[in-house]
Amino acid sequence: MKLDDAALTKEGLGPRGKGRILLLACGALAHEIVALKAANGWDHLDLQCLPAIFHNSPEKITPGIEAAVAEHREDYDEIFVVYADCGTGGLLEAACKRLGVEMLEGPHCYSFYEGNTAFAARDEITAFYLTDFLVRQFDAFVWKPLGLDRHPELREAYFGNYTKLVYQAQIDDPALTEKARSHAERLGLAFERRFTGYGDLATALGKLD
């Protein structure tokens, strides 16, 4: 199934009702959540994704989640929000508490993929991170939105204070690694690959039953 990042997407919805949990997730996590569901037989989890491009517009995340919760609250025993704070400045957490739904812990996906405790301990303020999704969608989510396709001279202004690009790999794919390495070269950054797997994302979803 191809998940459309440009619009709200649904996967595995139904039969609804007793014993089913709805995951309201960032579209940038869709492939990883589908893989985890399949690998673990989590058939009680249904998935609906908000547009992945909200990654670049965090002010849209909280109202998007509020609308989705209101739409589906009556159809499920439980709703779980598969977002960390993701640039909402605490607004998403406050909304989830008000709505009575749980969400992922952590500041962003880079943290929960590595594990929130391990990520915080690194304290890497000069690292630029990519996940599998962002390696694949680098032009659409990084290069073009920053205008680097039209004004490559802006690279230093955006990335001059970074020292390295860290590729947090969810799967072991040599082709993705080489693509991530090429992105680091384009940005003029040193390259580091870390195999994180699914980190705290897998742990959190595994607790939903």
N, C-alpha and C. Protein backbone atom coordinates (compact mmCIF):
# COMPACT_ATOMS: atom_id res chain seq x y z
N MET A 1 0.83 -1.19 0.00
CA MET A 1 0.00 0.00 0.00
C MET A 1 0.87 1.24 0.00
N LYS A 2 0.59 2.21 -0.86
CA LYS A 2 1.34 3.45 -0.90
C LYS A 2 0.64 4.47 -0.02
N LEU A 3 1.39 5.01 0.93
CA LEU A 3 0.84 5.99 1.84
C LEU A 3 1.08 7.39 1.29
N ASP A 4 0.03 8.15 1.14
CA ASP A 4 0.11 9.47 0.55
C ASP A 4 0.48 10.48 1.61
N ASP A 5 1.66 11.11 1.48
CA ASP A 5 2.11 12.08 2.46
C ASP A 5 1.37 13.41 2.33
N ALA A 6 0.71 13.62 1.21
CA ALA A 6 0.09 14.92 0.97
C ALA A 6 -1.28 15.06 1.61
N ALA A 7 -1.83 13.96 2.07
CA ALA A 7 -3.19 14.01 2.63
C ALA A 7 -3.29 13.07 3.80
N LEU A 8 -4.36 13.22 4.56
CA LEU A 8 -4.61 12.32 5.67
C LEU A 8 -4.74 10.90 5.14
N THR A 9 -4.03 9.96 5.74
CA THR A 9 -4.05 8.59 5.23
C THR A 9 -4.59 7.65 6.29
N LYS A 10 -5.18 6.55 5.84
CA LYS A 10 -5.76 5.56 6.74
C LYS A 10 -5.23 4.19 6.38
N GLU A 11 -5.01 3.38 7.40
CA GLU A 11 -4.53 2.01 7.16
C GLU A 11 -5.20 1.09 8.15
N GLY A 12 -5.82 0.05 7.64
CA GLY A 12 -6.37 -1.00 8.50
C GLY A 12 -7.55 -0.59 9.34
N LEU A 13 -8.35 0.35 8.90
CA LEU A 13 -9.47 0.80 9.71
C LEU A 13 -10.64 -0.19 9.60
N GLY A 14 -10.98 -0.77 10.75
CA GLY A 14 -12.11 -1.68 10.80
C GLY A 14 -11.68 -3.12 11.00
N PRO A 15 -12.54 -3.98 11.62
CA PRO A 15 -13.80 -3.55 12.23
C PRO A 15 -13.57 -2.72 13.49
N ARG A 16 -14.32 -1.66 13.62
CA ARG A 16 -14.13 -0.76 14.76
C ARG A 16 -14.86 -1.28 15.98
N GLY A 17 -14.57 -0.63 17.11
CA GLY A 17 -15.30 -0.96 18.31
C GLY A 17 -14.43 -1.57 19.38
N LYS A 18 -15.01 -2.48 20.12
CA LYS A 18 -14.38 -3.04 21.31
C LYS A 18 -13.00 -3.63 21.01
N GLY A 19 -12.03 -3.24 21.80
CA GLY A 19 -10.71 -3.83 21.71
C GLY A 19 -9.80 -3.22 20.68
N ARG A 20 -10.24 -2.21 19.94
CA ARG A 20 -9.41 -1.61 18.91
C ARG A 20 -8.88 -0.26 19.36
N ILE A 21 -7.66 0.04 18.91
CA ILE A 21 -6.98 1.28 19.27
C ILE A 21 -6.61 2.01 17.98
N LEU A 22 -6.89 3.30 17.96
CA LEU A 22 -6.52 4.11 16.80
C LEU A 22 -5.22 4.86 17.08
N LEU A 23 -4.28 4.73 16.18
CA LEU A 23 -3.04 5.50 16.23
C LEU A 23 -3.20 6.71 15.32
N LEU A 24 -3.07 7.89 15.88
CA LEU A 24 -3.05 9.12 15.10
C LEU A 24 -1.59 9.55 15.01
N ALA A 25 -1.02 9.44 13.82
CA ALA A 25 0.43 9.54 13.70
C ALA A 25 0.86 10.56 12.67
N CYS A 26 2.11 10.97 12.80
CA CYS A 26 2.78 11.76 11.77
C CYS A 26 2.99 10.88 10.54
N GLY A 27 2.69 11.43 9.36
CA GLY A 27 2.87 10.67 8.14
C GLY A 27 4.30 10.23 7.91
N ALA A 28 5.26 10.91 8.53
CA ALA A 28 6.67 10.52 8.39
C ALA A 28 6.98 9.22 9.13
N LEU A 29 6.04 8.75 9.96
CA LEU A 29 6.23 7.50 10.70
C LEU A 29 5.40 6.36 10.12
N ALA A 30 4.68 6.61 9.05
CA ALA A 30 3.71 5.64 8.55
C ALA A 30 4.36 4.31 8.19
N HIS A 31 5.41 4.33 7.42
CA HIS A 31 6.03 3.08 6.97
C HIS A 31 6.58 2.29 8.15
N GLU A 32 7.13 3.00 9.12
CA GLU A 32 7.70 2.33 10.29
C GLU A 32 6.61 1.70 11.14
N ILE A 33 5.49 2.39 11.31
CA ILE A 33 4.39 1.84 12.11
C ILE A 33 3.77 0.63 11.41
N VAL A 34 3.59 0.72 10.10
CA VAL A 34 3.06 -0.42 9.34
C VAL A 34 3.99 -1.62 9.49
N ALA A 35 5.31 -1.39 9.42
CA ALA A 35 6.28 -2.48 9.57
C ALA A 35 6.21 -3.10 10.95
N LEU A 36 6.09 -2.28 11.97
CA LEU A 36 5.99 -2.79 13.33
C LEU A 36 4.70 -3.58 13.54
N LYS A 37 3.60 -3.09 13.00
CA LYS A 37 2.33 -3.81 13.10
C LYS A 37 2.44 -5.20 12.47
N ALA A 38 3.03 -5.24 11.28
CA ALA A 38 3.14 -6.50 10.57
C ALA A 38 4.07 -7.47 11.28
N ALA A 39 5.19 -6.97 11.77
CA ALA A 39 6.19 -7.83 12.41
C ALA A 39 5.70 -8.40 13.73
N ASN A 40 4.84 -7.65 14.42
CA ASN A 40 4.41 -8.06 15.76
C ASN A 40 2.97 -8.57 15.83
N GLY A 41 2.28 -8.57 14.70
CA GLY A 41 0.90 -9.03 14.71
C GLY A 41 -0.03 -8.13 15.49
N TRP A 42 0.24 -6.83 15.46
CA TRP A 42 -0.59 -5.89 16.23
C TRP A 42 -1.84 -5.52 15.42
N ASP A 43 -2.71 -6.49 15.23
CA ASP A 43 -3.88 -6.28 14.41
C ASP A 43 -4.96 -5.44 15.09
N HIS A 44 -4.80 -5.23 16.39
CA HIS A 44 -5.77 -4.41 17.13
C HIS A 44 -5.49 -2.92 16.97
N LEU A 45 -4.37 -2.57 16.32
CA LEU A 45 -4.01 -1.17 16.12
C LEU A 45 -4.37 -0.72 14.71
N ASP A 46 -5.19 0.31 14.60
CA ASP A 46 -5.48 0.94 13.32
C ASP A 46 -4.65 2.22 13.22
N LEU A 47 -4.36 2.62 12.00
CA LEU A 47 -3.47 3.76 11.78
C LEU A 47 -4.11 4.81 10.90
N GLN A 48 -4.04 6.04 11.35
CA GLN A 48 -4.42 7.18 10.52
C GLN A 48 -3.33 8.23 10.68
N CYS A 49 -2.86 8.76 9.55
CA CYS A 49 -1.73 9.70 9.56
C CYS A 49 -2.13 11.09 9.13
N LEU A 50 -1.61 12.07 9.83
CA LEU A 50 -1.68 13.45 9.37
C LEU A 50 -0.56 13.66 8.36
N PRO A 51 -0.67 14.68 7.51
CA PRO A 51 0.34 14.88 6.46
C PRO A 51 1.76 14.99 7.02
N ALA A 52 2.67 14.28 6.41
CA ALA A 52 4.06 14.30 6.86
C ALA A 52 4.67 15.69 6.77
N ILE A 53 4.18 16.52 5.85
CA ILE A 53 4.74 17.85 5.67
C ILE A 53 4.51 18.73 6.90
N PHE A 54 3.62 18.32 7.81
CA PHE A 54 3.47 19.05 9.08
C PHE A 54 4.79 19.07 9.84
N HIS A 55 5.70 18.16 9.47
CA HIS A 55 7.05 18.18 10.02
C HIS A 55 7.67 19.56 9.87
N ASN A 56 7.34 20.26 8.78
CA ASN A 56 7.87 21.60 8.52
C ASN A 56 6.93 22.71 8.98
N SER A 57 5.76 22.36 9.48
CA SER A 57 4.77 23.35 9.94
C SER A 57 4.15 22.89 11.25
N PRO A 58 4.93 22.85 12.34
CA PRO A 58 4.42 22.27 13.59
C PRO A 58 3.19 22.96 14.16
N GLU A 59 2.92 24.19 13.74
CA GLU A 59 1.72 24.87 14.23
C GLU A 59 0.44 24.19 13.75
N LYS A 60 0.54 23.33 12.74
CA LYS A 60 -0.63 22.62 12.21
C LYS A 60 -0.89 21.30 12.94
N ILE A 61 0.08 20.84 13.72
CA ILE A 61 -0.05 19.51 14.32
C ILE A 61 -1.16 19.45 15.36
N THR A 62 -1.15 20.37 16.30
CA THR A 62 -2.13 20.31 17.40
C THR A 62 -3.57 20.43 16.90
N PRO A 63 -3.91 21.43 16.08
CA PRO A 63 -5.29 21.45 15.58
C PRO A 63 -5.64 20.24 14.74
N GLY A 64 -4.67 19.68 14.02
CA GLY A 64 -4.94 18.48 13.24
C GLY A 64 -5.28 17.30 14.12
N ILE A 65 -4.55 17.14 15.21
CA ILE A 65 -4.83 16.06 16.16
C ILE A 65 -6.16 16.29 16.86
N GLU A 66 -6.44 17.51 17.25
CA GLU A 66 -7.71 17.80 17.92
C GLU A 66 -8.89 17.43 17.02
N ALA A 67 -8.80 17.78 15.75
CA ALA A 67 -9.89 17.46 14.82
C ALA A 67 -10.03 15.96 14.63
N ALA A 68 -8.90 15.25 14.52
CA ALA A 68 -8.96 13.80 14.30
C ALA A 68 -9.50 13.07 15.52
N VAL A 69 -9.13 13.51 16.72
CA VAL A 69 -9.67 12.90 17.94
C VAL A 69 -11.18 13.10 18.00
N ALA A 70 -11.63 14.31 17.71
CA ALA A 70 -13.06 14.59 17.75
C ALA A 70 -13.82 13.72 16.75
N GLU A 71 -13.22 13.49 15.59
CA GLU A 71 -13.88 12.70 14.55
C GLU A 71 -14.00 11.23 14.91
N HIS A 72 -12.99 10.68 15.60
CA HIS A 72 -12.92 9.23 15.78
C HIS A 72 -13.11 8.75 17.22
N ARG A 73 -13.33 9.67 18.15
CA ARG A 73 -13.39 9.27 19.56
C ARG A 73 -14.45 8.20 19.82
N GLU A 74 -15.59 8.30 19.18
CA GLU A 74 -16.68 7.37 19.44
C GLU A 74 -16.46 5.99 18.79
N ASP A 75 -15.49 5.89 17.90
CA ASP A 75 -15.29 4.65 17.16
C ASP A 75 -14.29 3.70 17.81
N TYR A 76 -13.57 4.17 18.82
CA TYR A 76 -12.47 3.37 19.37
C TYR A 76 -12.48 3.38 20.90
N ASP A 77 -12.00 2.28 21.45
CA ASP A 77 -11.82 2.22 22.90
C ASP A 77 -10.74 3.20 23.35
N GLU A 78 -9.73 3.38 22.51
CA GLU A 78 -8.58 4.19 22.89
C GLU A 78 -7.99 4.84 21.65
N ILE A 79 -7.46 6.04 21.83
CA ILE A 79 -6.71 6.75 20.79
C ILE A 79 -5.32 7.06 21.34
N PHE A 80 -4.30 6.76 20.56
CA PHE A 80 -2.93 7.06 20.96
C PHE A 80 -2.29 7.94 19.90
N VAL A 81 -1.69 9.05 20.34
CA VAL A 81 -1.11 10.03 19.43
C VAL A 81 0.37 9.71 19.23
N VAL A 82 0.72 9.37 18.00
CA VAL A 82 2.09 8.97 17.69
C VAL A 82 2.86 10.18 17.17
N TYR A 83 2.97 11.15 18.05
CA TYR A 83 3.82 12.33 17.89
C TYR A 83 4.55 12.53 19.21
N ALA A 84 5.78 13.03 19.14
CA ALA A 84 6.41 13.63 20.30
C ALA A 84 6.00 15.11 20.29
N ASP A 85 6.73 15.96 21.00
CA ASP A 85 6.36 17.39 20.99
C ASP A 85 6.49 17.97 19.58
N CYS A 86 7.54 17.61 18.88
CA CYS A 86 7.69 17.93 17.46
C CYS A 86 7.53 19.42 17.13
N GLY A 87 8.08 20.27 17.99
CA GLY A 87 8.08 21.70 17.72
C GLY A 87 6.81 22.44 18.09
N THR A 88 5.91 21.79 18.81
CA THR A 88 4.65 22.45 19.18
C THR A 88 4.78 23.28 20.46
N GLY A 89 5.93 23.24 21.08
CA GLY A 89 6.14 24.05 22.28
C GLY A 89 5.25 23.67 23.44
N GLY A 90 4.92 22.40 23.57
CA GLY A 90 4.08 21.93 24.66
C GLY A 90 2.60 21.98 24.36
N LEU A 91 2.20 22.57 23.25
CA LEU A 91 0.78 22.70 22.94
C LEU A 91 0.13 21.36 22.66
N LEU A 92 0.87 20.46 22.01
CA LEU A 92 0.29 19.14 21.72
C LEU A 92 0.08 18.36 23.01
N GLU A 93 1.05 18.39 23.88
CA GLU A 93 0.90 17.69 25.17
C GLU A 93 -0.30 18.22 25.95
N ALA A 94 -0.44 19.54 25.98
CA ALA A 94 -1.57 20.15 26.69
C ALA A 94 -2.90 19.73 26.07
N ALA A 95 -2.95 19.68 24.74
CA ALA A 95 -4.19 19.28 24.07
C ALA A 95 -4.51 17.82 24.36
N CYS A 96 -3.49 16.97 24.34
CA CYS A 96 -3.73 15.55 24.61
C CYS A 96 -4.25 15.34 26.04
N LYS A 97 -3.69 16.07 26.98
CA LYS A 97 -4.18 15.97 28.36
C LYS A 97 -5.62 16.43 28.45
N ARG A 98 -5.94 17.52 27.77
CA ARG A 98 -7.31 18.03 27.78
C ARG A 98 -8.27 17.05 27.13
N LEU A 99 -7.82 16.36 26.09
CA LEU A 99 -8.67 15.41 25.36
C LEU A 99 -8.69 14.03 26.00
N GLY A 100 -7.79 13.80 26.96
CA GLY A 100 -7.75 12.50 27.63
C GLY A 100 -7.15 11.40 26.80
N VAL A 101 -6.15 11.74 25.96
CA VAL A 101 -5.47 10.73 25.14
C VAL A 101 -3.98 10.77 25.45
N GLU A 102 -3.33 9.63 25.27
CA GLU A 102 -1.89 9.53 25.51
C GLU A 102 -1.12 9.85 24.24
N MET A 103 0.18 10.20 24.40
CA MET A 103 1.03 10.48 23.26
C MET A 103 2.44 9.97 23.55
N LEU A 104 3.27 9.94 22.53
CA LEU A 104 4.66 9.55 22.69
C LEU A 104 5.41 10.53 23.59
N GLU A 105 6.37 10.03 24.32
CA GLU A 105 7.23 10.90 25.11
C GLU A 105 8.42 11.36 24.27
N GLY A 106 8.93 12.53 24.60
CA GLY A 106 10.13 13.01 23.96
C GLY A 106 9.94 14.30 23.20
N PRO A 107 11.02 14.96 22.83
CA PRO A 107 10.93 16.23 22.12
C PRO A 107 10.65 16.09 20.63
N HIS A 108 11.10 14.99 20.01
CA HIS A 108 10.96 14.81 18.56
C HIS A 108 11.32 13.38 18.20
N CYS A 109 11.16 13.04 16.92
CA CYS A 109 11.38 11.66 16.49
C CYS A 109 12.84 11.25 16.59
N TYR A 110 13.77 12.18 16.41
CA TYR A 110 15.18 11.83 16.51
C TYR A 110 15.51 11.31 17.91
N SER A 111 14.84 11.88 18.89
CA SER A 111 15.05 11.47 20.27
C SER A 111 14.44 10.10 20.54
N PHE A 112 13.17 9.89 20.16
CA PHE A 112 12.56 8.60 20.52
C PHE A 112 13.09 7.45 19.67
N TYR A 113 13.58 7.74 18.45
CA TYR A 113 14.20 6.66 17.68
C TYR A 113 15.47 6.16 18.36
N GLU A 114 16.27 7.07 18.85
CA GLU A 114 17.50 6.64 19.52
C GLU A 114 17.23 6.15 20.93
N GLY A 115 16.12 6.56 21.47
CA GLY A 115 15.79 6.33 22.88
C GLY A 115 15.97 7.64 23.61
N ASN A 116 14.91 8.13 24.24
CA ASN A 116 14.96 9.48 24.82
C ASN A 116 16.09 9.66 25.82
N THR A 117 16.34 8.65 26.63
CA THR A 117 17.40 8.77 27.63
C THR A 117 18.76 8.85 26.97
N ALA A 118 19.02 7.98 26.00
CA ALA A 118 20.30 7.97 25.31
C ALA A 118 20.51 9.24 24.50
N PHE A 119 19.46 9.71 23.86
CA PHE A 119 19.58 10.92 23.05
C PHE A 119 19.91 12.13 23.92
N ALA A 120 19.23 12.26 25.05
CA ALA A 120 19.48 13.40 25.94
C ALA A 120 20.90 13.37 26.47
N ALA A 121 21.43 12.18 26.73
CA ALA A 121 22.78 12.06 27.27
C ALA A 121 23.84 12.53 26.28
N ARG A 122 23.57 12.42 24.99
CA ARG A 122 24.55 12.84 23.98
C ARG A 122 24.71 14.36 23.94
N ASP A 123 23.63 15.09 24.09
CA ASP A 123 23.67 16.55 24.09
C ASP A 123 24.40 17.08 22.86
N GLU A 124 23.98 16.64 21.68
CA GLU A 124 24.64 17.01 20.43
C GLU A 124 23.98 18.24 19.82
N ILE A 125 24.53 19.39 20.09
CA ILE A 125 23.89 20.61 19.61
C ILE A 125 24.36 21.01 18.21
N THR A 126 25.38 20.33 17.68
CA THR A 126 25.86 20.68 16.34
C THR A 126 25.64 19.55 15.34
N ALA A 127 24.70 18.65 15.64
CA ALA A 127 24.38 17.54 14.74
C ALA A 127 23.05 17.80 14.04
N PHE A 128 23.01 17.50 12.75
CA PHE A 128 21.79 17.57 11.96
C PHE A 128 21.36 16.13 11.69
N TYR A 129 20.10 15.81 11.98
CA TYR A 129 19.65 14.42 11.96
C TYR A 129 18.74 14.13 10.77
N LEU A 130 18.91 12.92 10.24
CA LEU A 130 18.00 12.38 9.25
C LEU A 130 17.56 11.00 9.68
N THR A 131 16.29 10.69 9.44
CA THR A 131 15.74 9.34 9.63
C THR A 131 15.61 8.69 8.26
N ASP A 132 15.18 7.43 8.22
CA ASP A 132 14.95 6.77 6.93
C ASP A 132 14.03 7.61 6.05
N PHE A 133 12.95 8.10 6.64
CA PHE A 133 11.99 8.89 5.88
C PHE A 133 12.65 10.13 5.29
N LEU A 134 13.41 10.84 6.10
CA LEU A 134 14.02 12.09 5.63
C LEU A 134 15.15 11.85 4.65
N VAL A 135 15.81 10.71 4.75
CA VAL A 135 16.80 10.38 3.72
C VAL A 135 16.09 10.22 2.37
N ARG A 136 14.98 9.51 2.38
CA ARG A 136 14.23 9.30 1.13
C ARG A 136 13.63 10.59 0.60
N GLN A 137 13.18 11.45 1.51
CA GLN A 137 12.44 12.66 1.13
C GLN A 137 13.26 13.93 1.34
N PHE A 138 14.57 13.82 1.24
CA PHE A 138 15.46 14.94 1.57
C PHE A 138 15.16 16.17 0.74
N ASP A 139 15.02 16.01 -0.56
CA ASP A 139 14.76 17.17 -1.41
C ASP A 139 13.44 17.84 -1.06
N ALA A 140 12.40 17.03 -0.85
CA ALA A 140 11.06 17.57 -0.60
C ALA A 140 10.92 18.21 0.78
N PHE A 141 11.69 17.70 1.77
CA PHE A 141 11.49 18.16 3.15
C PHE A 141 12.63 19.02 3.68
N VAL A 142 13.77 19.03 3.00
CA VAL A 142 14.90 19.83 3.47
C VAL A 142 15.39 20.77 2.37
N TRP A 143 15.87 20.22 1.29
CA TRP A 143 16.58 21.00 0.27
C TRP A 143 15.68 22.08 -0.35
N LYS A 144 14.50 21.69 -0.84
CA LYS A 144 13.62 22.65 -1.51
C LYS A 144 12.94 23.61 -0.54
N PRO A 145 12.40 23.14 0.61
CA PRO A 145 11.77 24.10 1.53
C PRO A 145 12.72 25.18 2.03
N LEU A 146 14.01 24.87 2.13
CA LEU A 146 15.00 25.87 2.54
C LEU A 146 15.47 26.74 1.38
N GLY A 147 14.99 26.44 0.19
CA GLY A 147 15.36 27.23 -0.98
C GLY A 147 16.73 26.94 -1.53
N LEU A 148 17.34 25.83 -1.08
CA LEU A 148 18.70 25.52 -1.52
C LEU A 148 18.76 25.07 -2.97
N ASP A 149 17.64 24.63 -3.52
CA ASP A 149 17.60 24.28 -4.93
C ASP A 149 17.73 25.51 -5.81
N ARG A 150 17.29 26.66 -5.28
CA ARG A 150 17.36 27.93 -6.03
C ARG A 150 18.51 28.81 -5.60
N HIS A 151 18.88 28.68 -4.32
CA HIS A 151 19.94 29.54 -3.77
C HIS A 151 20.91 28.70 -2.93
N PRO A 152 21.75 27.90 -3.59
CA PRO A 152 22.68 27.05 -2.84
C PRO A 152 23.64 27.83 -1.97
N GLU A 153 23.81 29.12 -2.25
CA GLU A 153 24.70 29.94 -1.44
C GLU A 153 24.19 30.11 -0.01
N LEU A 154 22.92 29.77 0.22
CA LEU A 154 22.36 29.87 1.57
C LEU A 154 22.78 28.71 2.47
N ARG A 155 23.45 27.73 1.90
CA ARG A 155 23.83 26.55 2.68
C ARG A 155 24.62 26.92 3.94
N GLU A 156 25.56 27.82 3.80
CA GLU A 156 26.38 28.20 4.95
C GLU A 156 25.54 28.89 6.02
N ALA A 157 24.59 29.71 5.60
CA ALA A 157 23.73 30.40 6.56
C ALA A 157 22.90 29.41 7.37
N TYR A 158 22.41 28.36 6.71
CA TYR A 158 21.58 27.38 7.40
C TYR A 158 22.40 26.37 8.20
N PHE A 159 23.52 25.94 7.65
CA PHE A 159 24.23 24.79 8.22
C PHE A 159 25.65 25.09 8.69
N GLY A 160 26.02 26.36 8.70
CA GLY A 160 27.37 26.73 9.08
C GLY A 160 27.74 26.37 10.51
N ASN A 161 26.75 26.28 11.38
CA ASN A 161 27.02 25.95 12.78
C ASN A 161 26.92 24.46 13.09
N TYR A 162 26.55 23.67 12.09
CA TYR A 162 26.53 22.22 12.26
C TYR A 162 27.90 21.64 11.91
N THR A 163 28.23 20.54 12.55
CA THR A 163 29.51 19.88 12.27
C THR A 163 29.34 18.53 11.61
N LYS A 164 28.17 17.90 11.77
CA LYS A 164 27.99 16.58 11.18
C LYS A 164 26.52 16.30 10.91
N LEU A 165 26.30 15.40 9.98
CA LEU A 165 24.97 14.85 9.72
C LEU A 165 24.92 13.44 10.31
N VAL A 166 23.96 13.20 11.17
CA VAL A 166 23.78 11.89 11.78
C VAL A 166 22.58 11.21 11.15
N TYR A 167 22.83 10.10 10.49
CA TYR A 167 21.75 9.31 9.91
C TYR A 167 21.33 8.25 10.91
N GLN A 168 20.11 8.41 11.44
CA GLN A 168 19.54 7.42 12.36
C GLN A 168 18.78 6.40 11.53
N ALA A 169 19.38 5.25 11.33
CA ALA A 169 18.81 4.23 10.45
C ALA A 169 17.81 3.36 11.19
N GLN A 170 16.60 3.29 10.66
CA GLN A 170 15.60 2.39 11.22
C GLN A 170 15.75 0.97 10.66
N ILE A 171 16.18 0.86 9.41
CA ILE A 171 16.42 -0.44 8.80
C ILE A 171 17.84 -0.46 8.25
N ASP A 172 18.38 -1.65 8.07
CA ASP A 172 19.75 -1.80 7.57
C ASP A 172 19.71 -1.89 6.05
N ASP A 173 19.84 -0.76 5.39
CA ASP A 173 19.73 -0.68 3.94
C ASP A 173 20.94 0.08 3.40
N PRO A 174 21.90 -0.61 2.78
CA PRO A 174 23.10 0.06 2.26
C PRO A 174 22.78 1.19 1.28
N ALA A 175 21.73 1.03 0.48
CA ALA A 175 21.38 2.07 -0.48
C ALA A 175 20.96 3.35 0.23
N LEU A 176 20.19 3.22 1.31
CA LEU A 176 19.79 4.40 2.08
C LEU A 176 21.00 5.04 2.75
N THR A 177 21.92 4.21 3.22
CA THR A 177 23.13 4.75 3.84
C THR A 177 23.93 5.59 2.86
N GLU A 178 24.08 5.10 1.64
CA GLU A 178 24.81 5.86 0.63
C GLU A 178 24.08 7.15 0.26
N LYS A 179 22.76 7.07 0.23
CA LYS A 179 21.99 8.28 -0.06
C LYS A 179 22.16 9.30 1.07
N ALA A 180 22.14 8.84 2.31
CA ALA A 180 22.35 9.73 3.44
C ALA A 180 23.74 10.35 3.39
N ARG A 181 24.74 9.55 3.02
CA ARG A 181 26.11 10.06 2.91
C ARG A 181 26.19 11.17 1.85
N SER A 182 25.46 10.98 0.75
CA SER A 182 25.47 12.00 -0.30
C SER A 182 24.80 13.29 0.17
N HIS A 183 23.77 13.16 1.01
CA HIS A 183 23.13 14.36 1.57
C HIS A 183 24.11 15.12 2.47
N ALA A 184 24.89 14.39 3.25
CA ALA A 184 25.89 15.04 4.10
C ALA A 184 26.90 15.80 3.25
N GLU A 185 27.31 15.21 2.15
CA GLU A 185 28.27 15.87 1.25
C GLU A 185 27.67 17.14 0.67
N ARG A 186 26.40 17.08 0.30
CA ARG A 186 25.73 18.27 -0.25
C ARG A 186 25.69 19.40 0.77
N LEU A 187 25.56 19.04 2.03
CA LEU A 187 25.48 20.05 3.09
C LEU A 187 26.86 20.44 3.61
N GLY A 188 27.89 19.76 3.16
CA GLY A 188 29.24 20.06 3.62
C GLY A 188 29.50 19.63 5.04
N LEU A 189 28.86 18.53 5.47
CA LEU A 189 28.96 18.06 6.84
C LEU A 189 29.63 16.69 6.89
N ALA A 190 30.29 16.41 8.01
CA ALA A 190 30.79 15.05 8.26
C ALA A 190 29.60 14.11 8.38
N PHE A 191 29.84 12.84 8.12
CA PHE A 191 28.74 11.86 8.09
C PHE A 191 28.93 10.81 9.17
N GLU A 192 27.83 10.52 9.87
CA GLU A 192 27.82 9.44 10.86
C GLU A 192 26.51 8.67 10.72
N ARG A 193 26.60 7.35 10.70
CA ARG A 193 25.42 6.51 10.66
C ARG A 193 25.26 5.79 11.98
N ARG A 194 24.05 5.82 12.53
CA ARG A 194 23.72 5.07 13.74
C ARG A 194 22.52 4.19 13.44
N PHE A 195 22.64 2.93 13.71
CA PHE A 195 21.49 2.05 13.57
C PHE A 195 20.68 2.12 14.86
N THR A 196 19.55 2.80 14.81
CA THR A 196 18.71 2.96 16.00
C THR A 196 17.57 1.95 16.04
N GLY A 197 17.21 1.38 14.85
CA GLY A 197 15.98 0.62 14.80
C GLY A 197 14.81 1.55 15.09
N TYR A 198 13.81 1.04 15.76
CA TYR A 198 12.60 1.82 16.01
C TYR A 198 12.57 2.43 17.42
N GLY A 199 13.55 2.10 18.24
CA GLY A 199 13.71 2.75 19.53
C GLY A 199 12.47 2.75 20.40
N ASP A 200 12.20 3.91 21.00
CA ASP A 200 11.06 4.04 21.92
C ASP A 200 9.72 3.98 21.20
N LEU A 201 9.71 4.15 19.88
CA LEU A 201 8.48 3.99 19.13
C LEU A 201 7.94 2.58 19.27
N ALA A 202 8.82 1.60 19.08
CA ALA A 202 8.42 0.19 19.22
C ALA A 202 7.99 -0.12 20.64
N THR A 203 8.72 0.41 21.60
CA THR A 203 8.39 0.16 23.01
C THR A 203 7.01 0.71 23.36
N ALA A 204 6.73 1.93 22.93
CA ALA A 204 5.44 2.57 23.25
C ALA A 204 4.28 1.83 22.60
N LEU A 205 4.43 1.47 21.33
CA LEU A 205 3.34 0.78 20.66
C LEU A 205 3.13 -0.62 21.20
N GLY A 206 4.20 -1.24 21.67
CA GLY A 206 4.10 -2.58 22.23
C GLY A 206 3.32 -2.62 23.53
N LYS A 207 3.17 -1.49 24.19
CA LYS A 207 2.44 -1.43 25.44
C LYS A 207 0.93 -1.22 25.24
N LEU A 208 0.52 -1.00 24.01
CA LEU A 208 -0.89 -0.73 23.74
C LEU A 208 -1.63 -2.04 23.53
N ASP A 209 -2.52 -2.37 24.45
CA ASP A 209 -3.31 -3.59 24.29
C ASP A 209 -4.67 -3.43 24.95
